[in-house]
C-alpha cells in the first residue's frame, strides 16, 4: 500500500518505504533509490539525509544542493547544514 501511495507522489509514504528498506528490509541499494525519489518529491528530512550521504561520500556539490533543498523545504537543520558546508 505504501509503495502505491509513494508512486502517486505521497512524500510521507515514500519516506516510509525508504525507512523500511533501510532498516527492516536491510536493502541499502533500494533504500537509497527511495531516499532520492523521496527527496525529489520535496520531503525535507529525506533531502537532509541525502545531503548527509553525499557528505559521507565526499560529493560536496551534491551535498550543498540537497542541503539547500532541505532548507528551502523548511527542514529545521537544513539551514545549519548549508552554513557548515559553505563556510567550513
PDB file of N, CA and C in Angstrom:
ATOM      1  N   UNK A   1       0.822  -1.194   0.000  1.00  0.00           N
ATOM      2  CA  UNK A   1       0.000   0.000   0.000  1.00  0.00           C
ATOM      3  C   UNK A   1       0.867   1.260   0.000  1.00  0.00           C
ATOM      4  N   UNK A   2       1.910   1.278   0.824  1.00  0.00           N
ATOM      5  CA  UNK A   2       2.779   2.444   0.912  1.00  0.00           C
ATOM      6  C   UNK A   2       3.471   2.735  -0.424  1.00  0.00           C
ATOM      7  N   UNK A   3       3.906   1.693  -1.117  1.00  0.00           N
ATOM      8  CA  UNK A   3       4.550   1.897  -2.418  1.00  0.00           C
ATOM      9  C   UNK A   3       3.595   2.544  -3.408  1.00  0.00           C
ATOM     10  N   UNK A   4       2.350   2.098  -3.409  1.00  0.00           N
ATOM     11  CA  UNK A   4       1.357   2.678  -4.307  1.00  0.00           C
ATOM     12  C   UNK A   4       1.139   4.150  -4.020  1.00  0.00           C
ATOM     13  N   UNK A   5       0.997   4.480  -2.749  1.00  0.00           N
ATOM     14  CA  UNK A   5       0.844   5.886  -2.362  1.00  0.00           C
ATOM     15  C   UNK A   5       2.086   6.684  -2.744  1.00  0.00           C
ATOM     16  N   UNK A   6       3.246   6.096  -2.501  1.00  0.00           N
ATOM     17  CA  UNK A   6       4.507   6.776  -2.808  1.00  0.00           C
ATOM     18  C   UNK A   6       4.624   7.054  -4.305  1.00  0.00           C
ATOM     19  N   UNK A   7       4.270   6.083  -5.104  1.00  0.00           N
ATOM     20  CA  UNK A   7       4.350   6.262  -6.559  1.00  0.00           C
ATOM     21  C   UNK A   7       3.360   7.308  -7.056  1.00  0.00           C
ATOM     22  N   UNK A   8       2.358   7.586  -6.239  1.00  0.00           N
ATOM     23  CA  UNK A   8       1.381   8.632  -6.575  1.00  0.00           C
ATOM     24  C   UNK A   8       1.826  10.002  -6.074  1.00  0.00           C
ATOM     25  N   UNK A   9       3.019  10.058  -5.468  1.00  0.00           N
ATOM     26  CA  UNK A   9       3.562  11.335  -5.036  1.00  0.00           C
ATOM     27  C   UNK A   9       3.403  11.646  -3.558  1.00  0.00           C
ATOM     28  N   UNK A  10       2.993  10.677  -2.754  1.00  0.00           N
ATOM     29  CA  UNK A  10       2.835  10.882  -1.319  1.00  0.00           C
ATOM     30  C   UNK A  10       4.212  10.840  -0.645  1.00  0.00           C
ATOM     31  N   UNK A  11       4.674  12.008  -0.179  1.00  0.00           N
ATOM     32  CA  UNK A  11       6.020  12.122   0.405  1.00  0.00           C
ATOM     33  C   UNK A  11       6.179  11.265   1.654  1.00  0.00           C
ATOM     34  N   UNK A  12       5.176  11.281   2.506  1.00  0.00           N
ATOM     35  CA  UNK A  12       5.277  10.514   3.753  1.00  0.00           C
ATOM     36  C   UNK A  12       5.350   9.013   3.462  1.00  0.00           C
ATOM     37  N   UNK A  13       4.516   8.541   2.555  1.00  0.00           N
ATOM     38  CA  UNK A  13       4.540   7.117   2.195  1.00  0.00           C
ATOM     39  C   UNK A  13       5.886   6.757   1.575  1.00  0.00           C
ATOM     40  N   UNK A  14       6.402   7.623   0.739  1.00  0.00           N
ATOM     41  CA  UNK A  14       7.687   7.380   0.105  1.00  0.00           C
ATOM     42  C   UNK A  14       8.790   7.282   1.151  1.00  0.00           C
ATOM     43  N   UNK A  15       8.755   8.165   2.142  1.00  0.00           N
ATOM     44  CA  UNK A  15       9.751   8.120   3.214  1.00  0.00           C
ATOM     45  C   UNK A  15       9.604   6.821   4.012  1.00  0.00           C
ATOM     46  N   UNK A  16       8.373   6.369   4.200  1.00  0.00           N
ATOM     47  CA  UNK A  16       8.145   5.105   4.903  1.00  0.00           C
ATOM     48  C   UNK A  16       8.751   3.928   4.142  1.00  0.00           C
ATOM     49  N   UNK A  17       8.622   3.944   2.819  1.00  0.00           N
ATOM     50  CA  UNK A  17       9.207   2.870   2.006  1.00  0.00           C
ATOM     51  C   UNK A  17      10.728   2.909   2.131  1.00  0.00           C
ATOM     52  N   UNK A  18      11.313   4.101   2.045  1.00  0.00           N
ATOM     53  CA  UNK A  18      12.765   4.241   2.250  1.00  0.00           C
ATOM     54  C   UNK A  18      13.164   3.651   3.604  1.00  0.00           C
ATOM     55  N   UNK A  19      12.450   4.056   4.653  1.00  0.00           N
ATOM     56  CA  UNK A  19      12.777   3.603   6.011  1.00  0.00           C
ATOM     57  C   UNK A  19      12.692   2.086   6.131  1.00  0.00           C
ATOM     58  N   UNK A  20      11.690   1.517   5.492  1.00  0.00           N
ATOM     59  CA  UNK A  20      11.538   0.062   5.519  1.00  0.00           C
ATOM     60  C   UNK A  20      12.753  -0.623   4.898  1.00  0.00           C
ATOM     61  N   UNK A  21      13.141  -0.174   3.723  1.00  0.00           N
ATOM     62  CA  UNK A  21      14.289  -0.800   3.063  1.00  0.00           C
ATOM     63  C   UNK A  21      15.575  -0.561   3.842  1.00  0.00           C
ATOM     64  N   UNK A  22      15.691   0.587   4.480  1.00  0.00           N
ATOM     65  CA  UNK A  22      16.928   0.899   5.211  1.00  0.00           C
ATOM     66  C   UNK A  22      17.077   0.025   6.446  1.00  0.00           C
ATOM     67  N   UNK A  23      16.004  -0.134   7.195  1.00  0.00           N
ATOM     68  CA  UNK A  23      16.122  -0.872   8.453  1.00  0.00           C
ATOM     69  C   UNK A  23      15.525  -2.276   8.359  1.00  0.00           C
ATOM     70  N   UNK A  24      14.231  -2.374   8.254  1.00  0.00           N
ATOM     71  CA  UNK A  24      13.566  -3.681   8.276  1.00  0.00           C
ATOM     72  C   UNK A  24      13.928  -4.524   7.054  1.00  0.00           C
ATOM     73  N   UNK A  25      13.969  -3.892   5.892  1.00  0.00           N
ATOM     74  CA  UNK A  25      14.279  -4.621   4.675  1.00  0.00           C
ATOM     75  C   UNK A  25      15.761  -4.876   4.503  1.00  0.00           C
ATOM     76  N   UNK A  26      16.574  -4.080   5.159  1.00  0.00           N
ATOM     77  CA  UNK A  26      18.028  -4.200   5.094  1.00  0.00           C
ATOM     78  C   UNK A  26      18.548  -4.277   3.654  1.00  0.00           C
ATOM     79  N   UNK A  27      17.961  -3.451   2.779  1.00  0.00           N
ATOM     80  CA  UNK A  27      18.389  -3.383   1.384  1.00  0.00           C
ATOM     81  C   UNK A  27      18.823  -1.953   1.109  1.00  0.00           C
ATOM     82  N   UNK A  28      20.105  -1.692   1.307  1.00  0.00           N
ATOM     83  CA  UNK A  28      20.623  -0.326   1.224  1.00  0.00           C
ATOM     84  C   UNK A  28      20.524   0.265  -0.178  1.00  0.00           C
ATOM     85  N   UNK A  29      20.652  -0.557  -1.197  1.00  0.00           N
ATOM     86  CA  UNK A  29      20.568  -0.048  -2.570  1.00  0.00           C
ATOM     87  C   UNK A  29      19.158   0.473  -2.853  1.00  0.00           C
ATOM     88  N   UNK A  30      18.150  -0.346  -2.551  1.00  0.00           N
ATOM     89  CA  UNK A  30      16.769   0.099  -2.754  1.00  0.00           C
ATOM     90  C   UNK A  30      16.448   1.271  -1.837  1.00  0.00           C
ATOM     91  N   UNK A  31      16.971   1.241  -0.634  1.00  0.00           N
ATOM     92  CA  UNK A  31      16.729   2.335   0.311  1.00  0.00           C
ATOM     93  C   UNK A  31      17.225   3.650  -0.277  1.00  0.00           C
ATOM     94  N   UNK A  32      18.405   3.643  -0.858  1.00  0.00           N
ATOM     95  CA  UNK A  32      18.953   4.876  -1.432  1.00  0.00           C
ATOM     96  C   UNK A  32      18.151   5.324  -2.652  1.00  0.00           C
ATOM     97  N   UNK A  33      17.653   4.400  -3.433  1.00  0.00           N
ATOM     98  CA  UNK A  33      16.793   4.762  -4.569  1.00  0.00           C
ATOM     99  C   UNK A  33      15.530   5.464  -4.070  1.00  0.00           C
ATOM    100  N   UNK A  34      14.929   4.908  -3.019  1.00  0.00           N
ATOM    101  CA  UNK A  34      13.719   5.512  -2.464  1.00  0.00           C
ATOM    102  C   UNK A  34      14.022   6.828  -1.759  1.00  0.00           C
ATOM    103  N   UNK A  35      15.189   6.918  -1.133  1.00  0.00           N
ATOM    104  CA  UNK A  35      15.557   8.173  -0.477  1.00  0.00           C
ATOM    105  C   UNK A  35      15.661   9.294  -1.510  1.00  0.00           C
ATOM    106  N   UNK A  36      16.315   9.017  -2.626  1.00  0.00           N
ATOM    107  CA  UNK A  36      16.450  10.043  -3.660  1.00  0.00           C
ATOM    108  C   UNK A  36      15.085  10.406  -4.250  1.00  0.00           C
ATOM    109  N   UNK A  37      14.253   9.418  -4.491  1.00  0.00           N
ATOM    110  CA  UNK A  37      12.907   9.674  -5.005  1.00  0.00           C
ATOM    111  C   UNK A  37      12.128  10.545  -4.025  1.00  0.00           C
ATOM    112  N   UNK A  38      12.219  10.210  -2.749  1.00  0.00           N
ATOM    113  CA  UNK A  38      11.519  10.966  -1.715  1.00  0.00           C
ATOM    114  C   UNK A  38      12.038  12.393  -1.642  1.00  0.00           C
ATOM    115  N   UNK A  39      13.348  12.557  -1.741  1.00  0.00           N
ATOM    116  CA  UNK A  39      13.948  13.897  -1.729  1.00  0.00           C
ATOM    117  C   UNK A  39      13.458  14.704  -2.930  1.00  0.00           C
ATOM    118  N   UNK A  40      13.379  14.051  -4.078  1.00  0.00           N
ATOM    119  CA  UNK A  40      12.904  14.745  -5.282  1.00  0.00           C
ATOM    120  C   UNK A  40      11.442  15.168  -5.148  1.00  0.00           C
ATOM    121  N   UNK A  41      10.667  14.435  -4.336  1.00  0.00           N
ATOM    122  CA  UNK A  41       9.276  14.815  -4.090  1.00  0.00           C
ATOM    123  C   UNK A  41       9.175  16.046  -3.197  1.00  0.00           C
ATOM    124  N   UNK A  42      10.298  16.415  -2.556  1.00  0.00           N
ATOM    125  CA  UNK A  42      10.303  17.599  -1.710  1.00  0.00           C
ATOM    126  C   UNK A  42      10.223  17.331  -0.222  1.00  0.00           C
ATOM    127  N   UNK A  43      10.518  16.126   0.205  1.00  0.00           N
ATOM    128  CA  UNK A  43      10.496  15.759   1.626  1.00  0.00           C
ATOM    129  C   UNK A  43      11.779  16.284   2.280  1.00  0.00           C
ATOM    130  N   UNK A  44      11.630  17.265   3.175  1.00  0.00           N
ATOM    131  CA  UNK A  44      12.783  17.944   3.773  1.00  0.00           C
ATOM    132  C   UNK A  44      13.740  17.035   4.513  1.00  0.00           C
ATOM    133  N   UNK A  45      13.214  16.120   5.288  1.00  0.00           N
ATOM    134  CA  UNK A  45      14.079  15.200   6.029  1.00  0.00           C
ATOM    135  C   UNK A  45      14.857  14.297   5.075  1.00  0.00           C
ATOM    136  N   UNK A  46      14.199  13.818   4.035  1.00  0.00           N
ATOM    137  CA  UNK A  46      14.881  12.978   3.041  1.00  0.00           C
ATOM    138  C   UNK A  46      15.980  13.774   2.341  1.00  0.00           C
ATOM    139  N   UNK A  47      15.715  15.027   2.043  1.00  0.00           N
ATOM    140  CA  UNK A  47      16.719  15.879   1.407  1.00  0.00           C
ATOM    141  C   UNK A  47      17.928  16.055   2.326  1.00  0.00           C
ATOM    142  N   UNK A  48      17.663  16.236   3.603  1.00  0.00           N
ATOM    143  CA  UNK A  48      18.737  16.394   4.586  1.00  0.00           C
ATOM    144  C   UNK A  48      19.567  15.113   4.688  1.00  0.00           C
ATOM    145  N   UNK A  49      18.894  13.976   4.784  1.00  0.00           N
ATOM    146  CA  UNK A  49      19.603  12.698   4.879  1.00  0.00           C
ATOM    147  C   UNK A  49      20.413  12.448   3.614  1.00  0.00           C
ATOM    148  N   UNK A  50      19.855  12.782   2.467  1.00  0.00           N
ATOM    149  CA  UNK A  50      20.585  12.619   1.203  1.00  0.00           C
ATOM    150  C   UNK A  50      21.823  13.508   1.186  1.00  0.00           C
ATOM    151  N   UNK A  51      21.688  14.742   1.658  1.00  0.00           N
ATOM    152  CA  UNK A  51      22.855  15.639   1.756  1.00  0.00           C
ATOM    153  C   UNK A  51      23.917  15.020   2.644  1.00  0.00           C
ATOM    154  N   UNK A  52      23.505  14.465   3.763  1.00  0.00           N
ATOM    155  CA  UNK A  52      24.459  13.817   4.675  1.00  0.00           C
ATOM    156  C   UNK A  52      25.164  12.646   3.988  1.00  0.00           C
ATOM    157  N   UNK A  53      24.433  11.893   3.183  1.00  0.00           N
ATOM    158  CA  UNK A  53      25.045  10.784   2.448  1.00  0.00           C
ATOM    159  C   UNK A  53      26.083  11.289   1.457  1.00  0.00           C
ATOM    160  N   UNK A  54      25.767  12.392   0.778  1.00  0.00           N
ATOM    161  CA  UNK A  54      26.738  12.948  -0.162  1.00  0.00           C
ATOM    162  C   UNK A  54      27.973  13.470   0.565  1.00  0.00           C
ATOM    163  N   UNK A  55      27.795  14.035   1.738  1.00  0.00           N
ATOM    164  CA  UNK A  55      28.950  14.464   2.547  1.00  0.00           C
ATOM    165  C   UNK A  55      29.819  13.249   2.851  1.00  0.00           C
ATOM    166  N   UNK A  56      29.184  12.196   3.310  1.00  0.00           N
ATOM    167  CA  UNK A  56      29.899  10.965   3.664  1.00  0.00           C
ATOM    168  C   UNK A  56      30.673  10.397   2.470  1.00  0.00           C
ATOM    169  N   UNK A  57      30.120  10.558   1.273  1.00  0.00           N
ATOM    170  CA  UNK A  57      30.762  10.029   0.063  1.00  0.00           C
ATOM    171  C   UNK A  57      31.704  11.032  -0.599  1.00  0.00           C
ATOM    172  N   UNK A  58      31.878  12.209   0.011  1.00  0.00           N
ATOM    173  CA  UNK A  58      32.832  13.191  -0.497  1.00  0.00           C
ATOM    174  C   UNK A  58      32.345  14.015  -1.670  1.00  0.00           C
ATOM    175  N   UNK A  59      31.037  14.054  -1.904  1.00  0.00           N
ATOM    176  CA  UNK A  59      30.468  14.821  -3.020  1.00  0.00           C
ATOM    177  C   UNK A  59      29.858  16.114  -2.470  1.00  0.00           C
ATOM    178  N   UNK A  60      30.722  17.098  -2.227  1.00  0.00           N
ATOM    179  CA  UNK A  60      30.287  18.349  -1.604  1.00  0.00           C
ATOM    180  C   UNK A  60      29.278  19.122  -2.452  1.00  0.00           C
ATOM    181  N   UNK A  61      29.473  19.254  -3.771  1.00  0.00           N
ATOM    182  CA  UNK A  61      28.477  19.993  -4.558  1.00  0.00           C
ATOM    183  C   UNK A  61      27.064  19.403  -4.443  1.00  0.00           C
ATOM    184  N   UNK A  62      26.941  18.075  -4.499  1.00  0.00           N
ATOM    185  CA  UNK A  62      25.630  17.445  -4.356  1.00  0.00           C
ATOM    186  C   UNK A  62      25.105  17.626  -2.936  1.00  0.00           C
ATOM    187  N   UNK A  63      25.992  17.563  -1.958  1.00  0.00           N
ATOM    188  CA  UNK A  63      25.580  17.770  -0.565  1.00  0.00           C
ATOM    189  C   UNK A  63      25.018  19.171  -0.377  1.00  0.00           C
ATOM    190  N   UNK A  64      25.675  20.162  -0.947  1.00  0.00           N
ATOM    191  CA  UNK A  64      25.189  21.546  -0.838  1.00  0.00           C
ATOM    192  C   UNK A  64      23.833  21.683  -1.526  1.00  0.00           C
ATOM    193  N   UNK A  65      23.705  21.102  -2.715  1.00  0.00           N
ATOM    194  CA  UNK A  65      22.438  21.168  -3.442  1.00  0.00           C
ATOM    195  C   UNK A  65      21.293  20.629  -2.596  1.00  0.00           C
ATOM    196  N   UNK A  66      21.474  19.425  -2.024  1.00  0.00           N
ATOM    197  CA  UNK A  66      20.396  18.816  -1.250  1.00  0.00           C
ATOM    198  C   UNK A  66      20.202  19.487   0.097  1.00  0.00           C
ATOM    199  N   UNK A  67      21.259  20.019   0.676  1.00  0.00           N
ATOM    200  CA  UNK A  67      21.113  20.772   1.927  1.00  0.00           C
ATOM    201  C   UNK A  67      20.274  22.026   1.683  1.00  0.00           C
ATOM    202  N   UNK A  68      20.512  22.698   0.568  1.00  0.00           N
ATOM    203  CA  UNK A  68      19.721  23.890   0.230  1.00  0.00           C
ATOM    204  C   UNK A  68      18.267  23.516  -0.021  1.00  0.00           C
ATOM    205  N   UNK A  69      18.041  22.417  -0.697  1.00  0.00           N
ATOM    206  CA  UNK A  69      16.665  21.964  -0.921  1.00  0.00           C
ATOM    207  C   UNK A  69      15.983  21.672   0.411  1.00  0.00           C
ATOM    208  N   UNK A  70      16.728  21.054   1.326  1.00  0.00           N
ATOM    209  CA  UNK A  70      16.197  20.754   2.651  1.00  0.00           C
ATOM    210  C   UNK A  70      15.845  22.037   3.397  1.00  0.00           C
ATOM    211  N   UNK A  71      16.746  22.986   3.360  1.00  0.00           N
ATOM    212  CA  UNK A  71      16.500  24.293   3.991  1.00  0.00           C
ATOM    213  C   UNK A  71      15.264  24.951   3.391  1.00  0.00           C
ATOM    214  N   UNK A  72      15.185  24.944   2.079  1.00  0.00           N
ATOM    215  CA  UNK A  72      14.073  25.591   1.393  1.00  0.00           C
ATOM    216  C   UNK A  72      12.744  24.871   1.625  1.00  0.00           C
ATOM    217  N   UNK A  73      12.812  23.588   1.989  1.00  0.00           N
ATOM    218  CA  UNK A  73      11.607  22.833   2.320  1.00  0.00           C
ATOM    219  C   UNK A  73      11.161  23.082   3.758  1.00  0.00           C
ATOM    220  N   UNK A  74      11.998  23.821   4.499  1.00  0.00           N
ATOM    221  CA  UNK A  74      11.651  24.139   5.879  1.00  0.00           C
ATOM    222  C   UNK A  74      12.149  23.138   6.902  1.00  0.00           C
ATOM    223  N   UNK A  75      13.026  22.232   6.491  1.00  0.00           N
ATOM    224  CA  UNK A  75      13.555  21.274   7.461  1.00  0.00           C
ATOM    225  C   UNK A  75      14.443  22.019   8.452  1.00  0.00           C
ATOM    226  N   UNK A  76      14.214  21.837   9.757  1.00  0.00           N
ATOM    227  CA  UNK A  76      14.887  22.647  10.777  1.00  0.00           C
ATOM    228  C   UNK A  76      16.411  22.662  10.709  1.00  0.00           C
ATOM    229  N   UNK A  77      17.054  21.559  10.381  1.00  0.00           N
ATOM    230  CA  UNK A  77      18.521  21.513  10.371  1.00  0.00           C
ATOM    231  C   UNK A  77      19.131  21.861   9.020  1.00  0.00           C
ATOM    232  N   UNK A  78      18.300  22.081   8.026  1.00  0.00           N
ATOM    233  CA  UNK A  78      18.800  22.357   6.683  1.00  0.00           C
ATOM    234  C   UNK A  78      19.664  23.599   6.593  1.00  0.00           C
ATOM    235  N   UNK A  79      19.228  24.682   7.214  1.00  0.00           N
ATOM    236  CA  UNK A  79      19.980  25.942   7.144  1.00  0.00           C
ATOM    237  C   UNK A  79      21.357  25.802   7.783  1.00  0.00           C
ATOM    238  N   UNK A  80      21.420  25.130   8.916  1.00  0.00           N
ATOM    239  CA  UNK A  80      22.715  24.946   9.598  1.00  0.00           C
ATOM    240  C   UNK A  80      23.652  24.095   8.757  1.00  0.00           C
ATOM    241  N   UNK A  81      23.101  23.101   8.074  1.00  0.00           N
ATOM    242  CA  UNK A  81      23.946  22.260   7.225  1.00  0.00           C
ATOM    243  C   UNK A  81      24.486  23.050   6.044  1.00  0.00           C
ATOM    244  N   UNK A  82      23.645  23.870   5.432  1.00  0.00           N
ATOM    245  CA  UNK A  82      24.105  24.708   4.329  1.00  0.00           C
ATOM    246  C   UNK A  82      25.238  25.612   4.826  1.00  0.00           C
ATOM    247  N   UNK A  83      25.039  26.238   5.954  1.00  0.00           N
ATOM    248  CA  UNK A  83      26.043  27.140   6.524  1.00  0.00           C
ATOM    249  C   UNK A  83      27.370  26.400   6.763  1.00  0.00           C
ATOM    250  N   UNK A  84      27.295  25.206   7.313  1.00  0.00           N
ATOM    251  CA  UNK A  84      28.529  24.461   7.602  1.00  0.00           C
ATOM    252  C   UNK A  84      29.236  23.996   6.333  1.00  0.00           C
ATOM    253  N   UNK A  85      28.478  23.749   5.281  1.00  0.00           N
ATOM    254  CA  UNK A  85      29.091  23.308   4.014  1.00  0.00           C
ATOM    255  C   UNK A  85      29.682  24.478   3.238  1.00  0.00           C
ATOM    256  N   UNK A  86      29.017  25.626   3.287  1.00  0.00           N
ATOM    257  CA  UNK A  86      29.507  26.768   2.528  1.00  0.00           C
ATOM    258  C   UNK A  86      30.590  27.555   3.263  1.00  0.00           C
ATOM    259  N   UNK A  87      30.655  27.391   4.572  1.00  0.00           N
ATOM    260  CA  UNK A  87      31.654  28.100   5.379  1.00  0.00           C
ATOM    261  C   UNK A  87      32.333  27.120   6.339  1.00  0.00           C
ATOM    262  N   UNK A  88      33.147  26.231   5.775  1.00  0.00           N
ATOM    263  CA  UNK A  88      33.766  25.196   6.611  1.00  0.00           C
ATOM    264  C   UNK A  88      34.755  25.741   7.631  1.00  0.00           C
TER     265      UNK A  88
END
